[in-house]
Amino acid sequence: MEVQVDGKRAFATTGGRPFDPARSTAILIHGAGMDHTVWVLQTRYIAYHGRNVLAVDLPGHGRSEGPALTSIEEMADWVGRFLEAMDIEDAAVVGHSMGSLVAIELSARLPDTISSTVLLSTAMPMVVSDDLLAAAKANDHEAIDMITIWGHGRGAQLGGHKAPGLWMTGGAERLLEQAAESVLFTDLNACNTYQNGLEVASRIRCPVLLMVGNEDRMTPPRAARALADAIPDCTTEIIGGCGHMMMIEKPDQVLDHIRDAF
């Protein structure tokens, strides 16, 4: 579905069901250089089990008009305006990687709206390597290659999905290749320069579920410990045999934990 935010087109997928203002809503926020399609294995279930689901495309991503926003704070402000445009007053927020930082900001800013928060593949601070930033700034395909290799666990590198023929690393590569020029760098730089996350996280009042993959080389479990300690009401789940792209690598486990958090 499409709505207007700041006078520009904003897109979100609804999981195949029309938006119902009477139902509570799950807002799903993608990671750097990606879009709503990373949630394809979770959205339909949520939509058909009692909630609206809105997997948004942030500005400049997927089917939302740009330009891409340059800071995590700006992204959180934009999602807040998206909620206002949809008249949503009761929501759970789920964020992956960069989207998890946006979810932290949103949850702290809107305590009367956000009832639960789920953070996937997160870290605080979310440091991005100099080599990856440089490649992304140069729009060099090496940046996509690094994310594709570092972003998947061992099983995903060899196939390993329950759906025969699903090429996880190839799918991630093609998705990142579709991003407009400079979007990946803008996103990665926003993650790298976000500095106030621990203080912001300490102000979250709703329950928070933090999910990390034990084979994640981009945001390894140790990088989330300080964040888990900072959040007043936080539960941590470590997903075995899983890298950074856990929604694709371990879709059933991720969905089970999201459902429990709701």
Protein backbone atom coordinates (compact mmCIF):
# COMPACT_ATOMS: atom_id res chain seq x y z
CA MET A 1 0.00 0.00 0.00
CA GLU A 2 1.04 3.61 -0.54
CA VAL A 3 0.56 6.67 1.67
CA GLN A 4 1.91 10.20 1.56
CA VAL A 5 4.60 11.15 4.07
CA ASP A 6 6.15 14.61 3.77
CA GLY A 7 4.36 14.96 0.44
CA LYS A 8 6.13 11.93 -1.04
CA ARG A 9 5.14 8.33 -1.75
CA ALA A 10 5.82 5.89 1.09
CA PHE A 11 5.30 2.19 0.47
CA ALA A 12 4.64 -0.69 2.85
CA THR A 13 3.56 -4.25 2.18
CA THR A 14 0.61 -5.56 4.19
CA GLY A 15 1.21 -9.30 3.94
CA GLY A 16 -1.72 -9.82 1.58
CA ARG A 17 -4.50 -8.41 3.77
CA PRO A 18 -6.02 -4.93 3.74
CA PHE A 19 -5.09 -2.59 6.56
CA ASP A 20 -7.72 -2.63 9.34
CA PRO A 21 -7.63 0.42 11.67
CA ALA A 22 -9.32 -1.60 14.41
CA ARG A 23 -6.40 -4.02 14.72
CA SER A 24 -3.04 -3.50 16.37
CA THR A 25 -0.15 -3.17 13.94
CA ALA A 26 3.34 -4.59 13.52
CA ILE A 27 5.82 -2.23 11.85
CA LEU A 28 8.81 -4.01 10.23
CA ILE A 29 11.92 -1.99 9.34
CA HIS A 30 14.60 -3.30 6.97
CA GLY A 31 18.39 -2.97 7.09
CA ALA A 32 20.95 -1.02 5.06
CA GLY A 33 20.48 -1.01 1.29
CA MET A 34 17.48 -3.32 1.52
CA ASP A 35 13.69 -3.03 1.41
CA HIS A 36 10.43 -4.62 2.56
CA THR A 37 11.11 -7.88 0.70
CA VAL A 38 13.50 -9.11 3.42
CA TRP A 39 10.39 -9.80 5.53
CA VAL A 40 8.56 -11.89 2.93
CA LEU A 41 8.75 -15.09 5.04
CA GLN A 42 7.18 -13.40 8.10
CA THR A 43 4.69 -10.80 6.88
CA ARG A 44 1.97 -13.12 5.61
CA TYR A 45 1.79 -15.11 8.84
CA ILE A 46 1.52 -11.96 10.94
CA ALA A 47 -1.15 -10.51 8.65
CA TYR A 48 -3.29 -13.63 8.94
CA HIS A 49 -2.96 -14.03 12.70
CA GLY A 50 -4.64 -11.05 14.29
CA ARG A 51 -2.53 -8.02 13.40
CA ASN A 52 -1.94 -5.56 10.64
CA VAL A 53 1.59 -5.84 9.29
CA LEU A 54 3.34 -2.98 7.53
CA ALA A 55 6.84 -3.79 6.26
CA VAL A 56 7.95 -0.32 5.23
CA ASP A 57 10.38 0.88 2.59
CA LEU A 58 12.38 3.71 4.12
CA PRO A 59 12.80 6.79 1.87
CA GLY A 60 14.93 6.07 -1.17
CA HIS A 61 14.51 2.30 -0.77
CA GLY A 62 12.26 -0.10 -2.63
CA ARG A 63 9.11 1.71 -3.74
CA SER A 64 9.34 4.74 -1.41
CA GLU A 65 10.44 8.05 -2.91
CA GLY A 66 13.83 9.41 -1.90
CA PRO A 67 16.18 10.78 -1.06
CA ALA A 68 17.57 8.35 1.49
CA LEU A 69 17.84 9.82 4.98
CA THR A 70 21.30 10.36 6.41
CA SER A 71 20.88 9.58 10.11
CA ILE A 72 19.14 7.04 12.33
CA GLU A 73 17.34 9.86 14.11
CA GLU A 74 15.91 11.16 10.81
CA MET A 75 14.73 7.65 9.92
CA ALA A 76 12.97 7.29 13.27
CA ASP A 77 11.29 10.68 12.80
CA TRP A 78 10.12 9.54 9.36
CA VAL A 79 8.65 6.27 10.67
CA GLY A 80 6.88 8.30 13.35
CA ARG A 81 5.32 10.48 10.65
CA PHE A 82 4.40 7.32 8.73
CA LEU A 83 2.51 6.10 11.81
CA GLU A 84 0.74 9.46 12.04
CA ALA A 85 -0.23 9.28 8.36
CA MET A 86 -1.78 5.85 9.03
CA ASP A 87 -3.45 6.99 12.30
CA ILE A 88 -1.69 4.15 14.14
CA GLU A 89 -1.76 4.50 17.93
CA ASP A 90 -0.93 0.91 18.95
CA ALA A 91 2.06 -0.78 17.33
CA ALA A 92 4.83 -3.28 17.82
CA VAL A 93 8.07 -2.50 16.01
CA VAL A 94 10.52 -5.03 14.55
CA GLY A 95 13.83 -3.85 13.13
CA HIS A 96 16.72 -5.66 11.43
CA SER A 97 20.30 -4.35 11.57
CA MET A 98 20.04 -0.65 10.65
CA GLY A 99 16.30 -1.01 11.18
CA SER A 100 16.96 -2.16 14.75
CA LEU A 101 18.64 1.17 15.50
CA VAL A 102 15.61 2.95 14.04
CA ALA A 103 13.36 0.77 16.22
CA ILE A 104 15.33 1.73 19.34
CA GLU A 105 14.88 5.43 18.61
CA LEU A 106 11.21 5.01 17.75
CA SER A 107 10.42 2.99 20.89
CA ALA A 108 12.06 5.55 23.15
CA ARG A 109 10.31 8.47 21.43
CA LEU A 110 6.81 6.97 21.29
CA PRO A 111 6.28 5.10 24.58
CA ASP A 112 2.49 5.50 24.38
CA THR A 113 2.37 4.02 20.86
CA ILE A 114 5.00 1.25 20.81
CA SER A 115 3.85 -1.69 22.94
CA SER A 116 6.70 -4.11 22.18
CA THR A 117 10.01 -4.04 20.32
CA VAL A 118 11.99 -6.75 18.55
CA LEU A 119 15.61 -6.12 17.53
CA LEU A 120 17.27 -8.49 15.05
CA SER A 121 21.00 -8.62 14.25
CA THR A 122 21.84 -5.53 16.24
CA ALA A 123 24.91 -4.07 17.91
CA MET A 124 25.75 -1.00 19.93
CA PRO A 125 27.68 0.78 18.59
CA MET A 126 27.09 -0.60 15.10
CA VAL A 127 30.61 -0.12 13.78
CA VAL A 128 31.11 -0.49 10.03
CA SER A 129 34.59 -1.39 8.75
CA ASP A 130 36.58 1.24 6.89
CA ASP A 131 36.96 -1.08 3.89
CA LEU A 132 33.21 -1.60 3.61
CA LEU A 133 32.47 2.11 3.95
CA ALA A 134 35.07 3.00 1.34
CA ALA A 135 33.76 0.45 -1.14
CA ALA A 136 30.17 1.57 -0.59
CA LYS A 137 31.12 5.25 -1.00
CA ALA A 138 32.79 4.40 -4.31
CA ASN A 139 29.71 2.41 -5.38
CA ASP A 140 32.07 -0.53 -5.78
CA HIS A 141 30.45 -3.96 -6.04
CA GLU A 142 32.97 -5.15 -3.45
CA ALA A 143 30.73 -3.59 -0.79
CA ILE A 144 27.88 -5.89 -1.84
CA ASP A 145 30.24 -8.85 -1.94
CA MET A 146 31.44 -8.12 1.61
CA ILE A 147 27.92 -7.89 3.00
CA THR A 148 26.84 -11.03 1.16
CA ILE A 149 29.78 -13.05 2.48
CA TRP A 150 29.91 -11.63 6.01
CA GLY A 151 26.12 -11.47 6.34
CA HIS A 152 25.34 -15.19 6.11
CA GLY A 153 26.21 -18.14 8.31
CA ARG A 154 28.04 -21.24 7.11
CA GLY A 155 24.88 -23.14 6.20
CA ALA A 156 23.56 -20.28 4.07
CA GLN A 157 26.82 -20.18 2.12
CA LEU A 158 26.21 -23.77 1.01
CA GLY A 159 22.47 -23.63 0.39
CA GLY A 160 21.01 -24.84 3.60
CA HIS A 161 17.47 -23.42 3.33
CA LYS A 162 14.41 -25.54 4.07
CA ALA A 163 12.89 -24.43 0.76
CA PRO A 164 14.78 -26.31 -2.00
CA GLY A 165 16.32 -24.01 -4.58
CA LEU A 166 16.27 -20.83 -2.50
CA TRP A 167 19.62 -19.13 -3.09
CA MET A 168 20.12 -17.02 0.01
CA THR A 169 23.42 -15.36 -0.81
CA GLY A 170 22.42 -14.76 -4.43
CA GLY A 171 19.12 -13.26 -3.35
CA ALA A 172 20.84 -10.86 -0.96
CA GLU A 173 23.30 -9.84 -3.66
CA ARG A 174 20.54 -9.11 -6.18
CA LEU A 175 18.58 -7.09 -3.61
CA LEU A 176 21.56 -4.91 -2.75
CA GLU A 177 22.32 -4.41 -6.45
CA GLN A 178 18.85 -2.90 -6.90
CA ALA A 179 19.54 -0.07 -4.44
CA ALA A 180 19.97 3.37 -5.98
CA GLU A 181 23.49 4.78 -6.18
CA SER A 182 24.92 5.92 -2.83
CA VAL A 183 22.01 4.52 -0.81
CA LEU A 184 24.09 1.70 0.68
CA PHE A 185 26.84 4.11 1.75
CA THR A 186 24.32 6.56 3.20
CA ASP A 187 22.78 3.78 5.28
CA LEU A 188 26.07 2.27 6.45
CA ASN A 189 27.40 5.69 7.37
CA ALA A 190 24.24 6.40 9.38
CA CYS A 191 24.83 3.19 11.35
CA ASN A 192 28.51 3.94 11.87
CA THR A 193 27.92 7.49 13.15
CA TYR A 194 25.01 6.68 15.48
CA GLN A 195 26.46 7.33 18.93
CA ASN A 196 23.65 7.82 21.47
CA GLY A 197 22.01 4.42 21.25
CA LEU A 198 22.75 3.15 24.74
CA GLU A 199 21.32 6.25 26.39
CA VAL A 200 18.28 6.14 24.11
CA ALA A 201 17.80 2.42 24.77
CA SER A 202 17.79 3.02 28.52
CA ARG A 203 14.61 5.08 28.05
CA ILE A 204 12.59 2.31 26.37
CA ARG A 205 9.69 1.29 28.62
CA CYS A 206 8.11 -1.54 26.63
CA PRO A 207 9.39 -5.15 26.61
CA VAL A 208 12.23 -5.72 24.16
CA LEU A 209 13.33 -8.96 22.51
CA LEU A 210 16.87 -8.96 21.14
CA MET A 211 17.75 -11.71 18.63
CA VAL A 212 21.30 -12.40 17.46
CA GLY A 213 22.79 -15.14 15.30
CA ASN A 214 25.66 -17.11 16.80
CA GLU A 215 27.50 -17.03 13.43
CA ASP A 216 26.87 -13.34 12.72
CA ARG A 217 30.13 -11.69 11.67
CA MET A 218 28.61 -8.25 11.09
CA THR A 219 26.88 -7.81 14.47
CA PRO A 220 28.23 -10.69 16.60
CA PRO A 221 26.47 -11.57 19.87
CA ARG A 222 29.18 -9.92 22.01
CA ALA A 223 28.46 -6.59 20.29
CA ALA A 224 24.89 -6.59 21.65
CA ARG A 225 25.69 -7.22 25.33
CA ALA A 226 25.96 -3.58 26.32
CA LEU A 227 22.67 -2.86 24.57
CA ALA A 228 20.90 -5.72 26.35
CA ASP A 229 22.21 -4.42 29.67
CA ALA A 230 21.04 -0.88 28.92
CA ILE A 231 17.41 -1.78 28.12
CA PRO A 232 15.28 -2.02 31.30
CA ASP A 233 13.12 -4.95 30.13
CA CYS A 234 15.13 -7.02 27.64
CA THR A 235 15.20 -10.70 26.72
CA THR A 236 17.98 -12.07 24.50
CA GLU A 237 17.67 -15.05 22.16
CA ILE A 238 20.70 -16.47 20.35
CA ILE A 239 19.76 -18.25 17.12
CA GLY A 240 22.02 -21.22 16.42
CA GLY A 241 23.55 -21.84 13.01
CA CYS A 242 22.57 -18.36 11.87
CA GLY A 243 24.32 -15.31 10.51
CA HIS A 244 23.19 -11.71 10.03
CA MET A 245 20.31 -12.37 7.62
CA MET A 246 18.32 -14.37 10.15
CA MET A 247 14.86 -13.65 8.67
CA ILE A 248 15.93 -15.62 5.59
CA GLU A 249 18.35 -18.09 7.17
CA LYS A 250 16.11 -19.16 10.07
CA PRO A 251 12.63 -17.90 9.18
CA ASP A 252 10.64 -20.26 11.41
CA GLN A 253 12.67 -19.57 14.54
CA VAL A 254 12.56 -15.84 13.91
CA LEU A 255 8.81 -15.90 13.38
CA ASP A 256 8.25 -17.98 16.53
CA HIS A 257 10.21 -15.49 18.63
CA ILE A 258 8.46 -12.49 17.06
CA ARG A 259 5.09 -14.08 17.73
CA ASP A 260 6.02 -14.75 21.36
CA ALA A 261 7.22 -11.16 21.78
CA PHE A 262 3.88 -9.86 20.51
